[in-house]
Amino acid sequence: MEMKKQVAWTAIDLGLKELMAGNDTLSDKDLKVKSGRLKCLSDFAETLRKRVDERIKGVGVGPIEPLFDQYHEARKQIDINA
């Protein structure tokens, strides 16, 4: 199981590097969309961090799938408003 987690963290690292590549060639509009999507990702990561902290405190937490649904909806709104 630990190997799967290591692979997942590596995939996240590589994905973030790929997402940030080429910023110098993007238009201001594209950069604003990217910034909005990164803000959604940041908010989602903070939500996940808080969920982990709740578990550390012994709080029973519900399913994680609704959190992903909320994240995807927020990200979709960025694209719609672009």
N, C-alpha and C. Protein backbone atom coordinates (compact mmCIF):
# COMPACT_ATOMS: atom_id res chain seq x y z
N MET A 1 0.82 -1.20 0.00
CA MET A 1 0.00 0.00 0.00
C MET A 1 0.87 1.26 0.00
N GLU A 2 1.95 1.25 0.72
CA GLU A 2 2.83 2.43 0.79
C GLU A 2 3.38 2.79 -0.59
N MET A 3 3.66 1.80 -1.42
CA MET A 3 4.18 2.05 -2.76
C MET A 3 3.14 2.80 -3.60
N LYS A 4 1.85 2.43 -3.45
CA LYS A 4 0.79 3.11 -4.18
C LYS A 4 0.71 4.58 -3.77
N LYS A 5 0.88 4.85 -2.50
CA LYS A 5 0.85 6.24 -2.02
C LYS A 5 2.04 7.01 -2.58
N GLN A 6 3.20 6.39 -2.61
CA GLN A 6 4.39 7.05 -3.15
C GLN A 6 4.18 7.36 -4.64
N VAL A 7 3.61 6.42 -5.37
CA VAL A 7 3.33 6.63 -6.79
C VAL A 7 2.32 7.76 -6.96
N ALA A 8 1.30 7.81 -6.10
CA ALA A 8 0.29 8.87 -6.19
C ALA A 8 0.90 10.24 -5.93
N TRP A 9 1.76 10.36 -4.90
CA TRP A 9 2.41 11.64 -4.62
C TRP A 9 3.31 12.06 -5.78
N THR A 10 4.02 11.10 -6.38
CA THR A 10 4.87 11.41 -7.53
C THR A 10 4.02 11.88 -8.70
N ALA A 11 2.88 11.24 -8.92
CA ALA A 11 1.99 11.65 -10.01
C ALA A 11 1.49 13.08 -9.78
N ILE A 12 1.16 13.42 -8.54
CA ILE A 12 0.72 14.78 -8.22
C ILE A 12 1.84 15.77 -8.52
N ASP A 13 3.04 15.46 -8.07
CA ASP A 13 4.18 16.35 -8.31
C ASP A 13 4.41 16.57 -9.80
N LEU A 14 4.40 15.49 -10.56
CA LEU A 14 4.61 15.59 -12.01
C LEU A 14 3.47 16.35 -12.68
N GLY A 15 2.26 16.11 -12.23
CA GLY A 15 1.11 16.80 -12.79
C GLY A 15 1.17 18.30 -12.54
N LEU A 16 1.58 18.69 -11.35
CA LEU A 16 1.70 20.12 -11.05
C LEU A 16 2.79 20.78 -11.89
N LYS A 17 3.90 20.08 -12.06
CA LYS A 17 4.97 20.62 -12.92
C LYS A 17 4.46 20.80 -14.34
N GLU A 18 3.73 19.83 -14.84
CA GLU A 18 3.18 19.89 -16.19
C GLU A 18 2.17 21.04 -16.31
N LEU A 19 1.33 21.20 -15.31
CA LEU A 19 0.35 22.28 -15.33
C LEU A 19 1.00 23.65 -15.36
N MET A 20 2.13 23.79 -14.72
CA MET A 20 2.79 25.09 -14.63
C MET A 20 3.74 25.35 -15.79
N ALA A 21 4.02 24.35 -16.58
CA ALA A 21 4.92 24.52 -17.72
C ALA A 21 4.24 25.41 -18.77
N GLY A 22 5.03 26.25 -19.38
CA GLY A 22 4.53 27.06 -20.48
C GLY A 22 3.74 28.29 -20.08
N ASN A 23 3.79 28.68 -18.81
CA ASN A 23 3.04 29.87 -18.39
C ASN A 23 3.44 31.11 -19.18
N ASP A 24 4.70 31.21 -19.56
CA ASP A 24 5.18 32.40 -20.26
C ASP A 24 4.57 32.55 -21.65
N THR A 25 4.02 31.49 -22.18
CA THR A 25 3.45 31.55 -23.53
C THR A 25 1.93 31.71 -23.53
N LEU A 26 1.32 31.72 -22.36
CA LEU A 26 -0.14 31.81 -22.28
C LEU A 26 -0.61 33.26 -22.30
N SER A 27 -1.81 33.45 -22.83
CA SER A 27 -2.42 34.78 -22.82
C SER A 27 -2.88 35.11 -21.40
N ASP A 28 -3.16 36.38 -21.17
CA ASP A 28 -3.66 36.79 -19.86
C ASP A 28 -4.96 36.07 -19.52
N LYS A 29 -5.83 35.91 -20.51
CA LYS A 29 -7.10 35.20 -20.29
C LYS A 29 -6.84 33.76 -19.84
N ASP A 30 -5.94 33.07 -20.54
CA ASP A 30 -5.62 31.69 -20.18
C ASP A 30 -4.99 31.61 -18.79
N LEU A 31 -4.16 32.59 -18.47
CA LEU A 31 -3.54 32.61 -17.14
C LEU A 31 -4.58 32.84 -16.05
N LYS A 32 -5.57 33.67 -16.33
CA LYS A 32 -6.63 33.92 -15.34
C LYS A 32 -7.44 32.65 -15.10
N VAL A 33 -7.73 31.92 -16.17
CA VAL A 33 -8.44 30.65 -16.01
C VAL A 33 -7.59 29.67 -15.21
N LYS A 34 -6.30 29.59 -15.53
CA LYS A 34 -5.41 28.70 -14.80
C LYS A 34 -5.35 29.09 -13.33
N SER A 35 -5.26 30.38 -13.06
CA SER A 35 -5.22 30.86 -11.68
C SER A 35 -6.50 30.47 -10.93
N GLY A 36 -7.63 30.62 -11.59
CA GLY A 36 -8.89 30.24 -10.96
C GLY A 36 -8.97 28.75 -10.66
N ARG A 37 -8.50 27.96 -11.61
CA ARG A 37 -8.51 26.50 -11.40
C ARG A 37 -7.55 26.11 -10.27
N LEU A 38 -6.40 26.78 -10.21
CA LEU A 38 -5.45 26.50 -9.13
C LEU A 38 -6.03 26.91 -7.78
N LYS A 39 -6.81 27.98 -7.75
CA LYS A 39 -7.48 28.39 -6.51
C LYS A 39 -8.47 27.33 -6.07
N CYS A 40 -9.23 26.79 -7.03
CA CYS A 40 -10.14 25.69 -6.69
C CYS A 40 -9.38 24.49 -6.14
N LEU A 41 -8.25 24.18 -6.77
CA LEU A 41 -7.42 23.06 -6.30
C LEU A 41 -6.89 23.33 -4.90
N SER A 42 -6.46 24.56 -4.66
CA SER A 42 -5.95 24.94 -3.35
C SER A 42 -7.04 24.81 -2.28
N ASP A 43 -8.23 25.29 -2.59
CA ASP A 43 -9.35 25.17 -1.65
C ASP A 43 -9.67 23.70 -1.37
N PHE A 44 -9.63 22.88 -2.43
CA PHE A 44 -9.90 21.46 -2.27
C PHE A 44 -8.83 20.79 -1.40
N ALA A 45 -7.57 21.13 -1.65
CA ALA A 45 -6.48 20.57 -0.83
C ALA A 45 -6.65 20.97 0.63
N GLU A 46 -7.07 22.20 0.87
CA GLU A 46 -7.30 22.65 2.25
C GLU A 46 -8.45 21.88 2.88
N THR A 47 -9.49 21.62 2.13
CA THR A 47 -10.61 20.81 2.63
C THR A 47 -10.13 19.41 3.00
N LEU A 48 -9.30 18.82 2.14
CA LEU A 48 -8.77 17.48 2.42
C LEU A 48 -7.88 17.50 3.66
N ARG A 49 -7.07 18.55 3.81
CA ARG A 49 -6.21 18.67 4.98
C ARG A 49 -7.05 18.74 6.26
N LYS A 50 -8.12 19.51 6.21
CA LYS A 50 -9.00 19.62 7.38
C LYS A 50 -9.66 18.28 7.69
N ARG A 51 -9.99 17.53 6.64
CA ARG A 51 -10.59 16.21 6.84
C ARG A 51 -9.61 15.29 7.57
N VAL A 52 -8.35 15.33 7.17
CA VAL A 52 -7.32 14.51 7.83
C VAL A 52 -7.18 14.95 9.29
N ASP A 53 -7.16 16.26 9.53
CA ASP A 53 -7.05 16.76 10.90
C ASP A 53 -8.23 16.31 11.76
N GLU A 54 -9.43 16.26 11.18
CA GLU A 54 -10.59 15.76 11.92
C GLU A 54 -10.38 14.31 12.33
N ARG A 55 -9.87 13.51 11.42
CA ARG A 55 -9.62 12.10 11.73
C ARG A 55 -8.58 11.97 12.84
N ILE A 56 -7.55 12.82 12.80
CA ILE A 56 -6.52 12.79 13.85
C ILE A 56 -7.16 13.06 15.20
N LYS A 57 -8.15 13.94 15.23
CA LYS A 57 -8.85 14.29 16.48
C LYS A 57 -9.89 13.25 16.86
N GLY A 58 -10.04 12.22 16.03
CA GLY A 58 -10.97 11.15 16.35
C GLY A 58 -12.39 11.41 15.89
N VAL A 59 -12.58 12.42 15.08
CA VAL A 59 -13.90 12.74 14.57
C VAL A 59 -14.23 11.80 13.42
N GLY A 60 -15.41 11.22 13.49
CA GLY A 60 -15.85 10.38 12.39
C GLY A 60 -16.22 11.25 11.20
N VAL A 61 -15.67 10.95 10.07
CA VAL A 61 -15.94 11.74 8.87
C VAL A 61 -16.73 10.90 7.88
N GLY A 62 -17.47 11.57 7.06
CA GLY A 62 -18.28 10.88 6.07
C GLY A 62 -17.49 10.53 4.83
N PRO A 63 -18.21 10.15 3.79
CA PRO A 63 -17.56 9.77 2.53
C PRO A 63 -16.86 10.96 1.89
N ILE A 64 -15.81 10.68 1.16
CA ILE A 64 -15.01 11.73 0.53
C ILE A 64 -15.54 12.09 -0.87
N GLU A 65 -16.31 11.23 -1.48
CA GLU A 65 -16.78 11.47 -2.85
C GLU A 65 -17.52 12.80 -3.01
N PRO A 66 -18.39 13.20 -2.06
CA PRO A 66 -19.05 14.50 -2.23
C PRO A 66 -18.07 15.67 -2.28
N LEU A 67 -16.94 15.54 -1.61
CA LEU A 67 -15.93 16.60 -1.66
C LEU A 67 -15.36 16.73 -3.06
N PHE A 68 -15.14 15.60 -3.72
CA PHE A 68 -14.64 15.62 -5.10
C PHE A 68 -15.69 16.22 -6.03
N ASP A 69 -16.96 15.87 -5.79
CA ASP A 69 -18.04 16.44 -6.60
C ASP A 69 -18.07 17.96 -6.47
N GLN A 70 -17.93 18.47 -5.26
CA GLN A 70 -17.93 19.92 -5.03
C GLN A 70 -16.73 20.57 -5.72
N TYR A 71 -15.58 19.94 -5.64
CA TYR A 71 -14.38 20.45 -6.29
C TYR A 71 -14.57 20.53 -7.81
N HIS A 72 -15.08 19.46 -8.40
CA HIS A 72 -15.28 19.43 -9.84
C HIS A 72 -16.30 20.48 -10.28
N GLU A 73 -17.34 20.67 -9.49
CA GLU A 73 -18.35 21.68 -9.82
C GLU A 73 -17.74 23.09 -9.76
N ALA A 74 -16.95 23.37 -8.73
CA ALA A 74 -16.31 24.68 -8.61
C ALA A 74 -15.36 24.93 -9.78
N ARG A 75 -14.62 23.92 -10.14
CA ARG A 75 -13.69 24.04 -11.27
C ARG A 75 -14.43 24.25 -12.58
N LYS A 76 -15.56 23.55 -12.74
CA LYS A 76 -16.36 23.70 -13.95
C LYS A 76 -16.89 25.13 -14.07
N GLN A 77 -17.26 25.72 -12.94
CA GLN A 77 -17.76 27.10 -12.96
C GLN A 77 -16.68 28.08 -13.44
N ILE A 78 -15.43 27.81 -13.10
CA ILE A 78 -14.32 28.65 -13.58
C ILE A 78 -14.31 28.63 -15.10
N ASP A 79 -14.44 27.44 -15.67
CA ASP A 79 -14.40 27.31 -17.12
C ASP A 79 -15.62 27.96 -17.79
N ILE A 80 -16.77 27.82 -17.17
CA ILE A 80 -18.00 28.41 -17.72
C ILE A 80 -17.89 29.93 -17.73
N ASN A 81 -17.31 30.50 -16.68
CA ASN A 81 -17.21 31.95 -16.56
C ASN A 81 -16.02 32.54 -17.32
N ALA A 82 -15.22 31.69 -17.92
CA ALA A 82 -14.02 32.18 -18.63
C ALA A 82 -14.37 32.86 -19.93
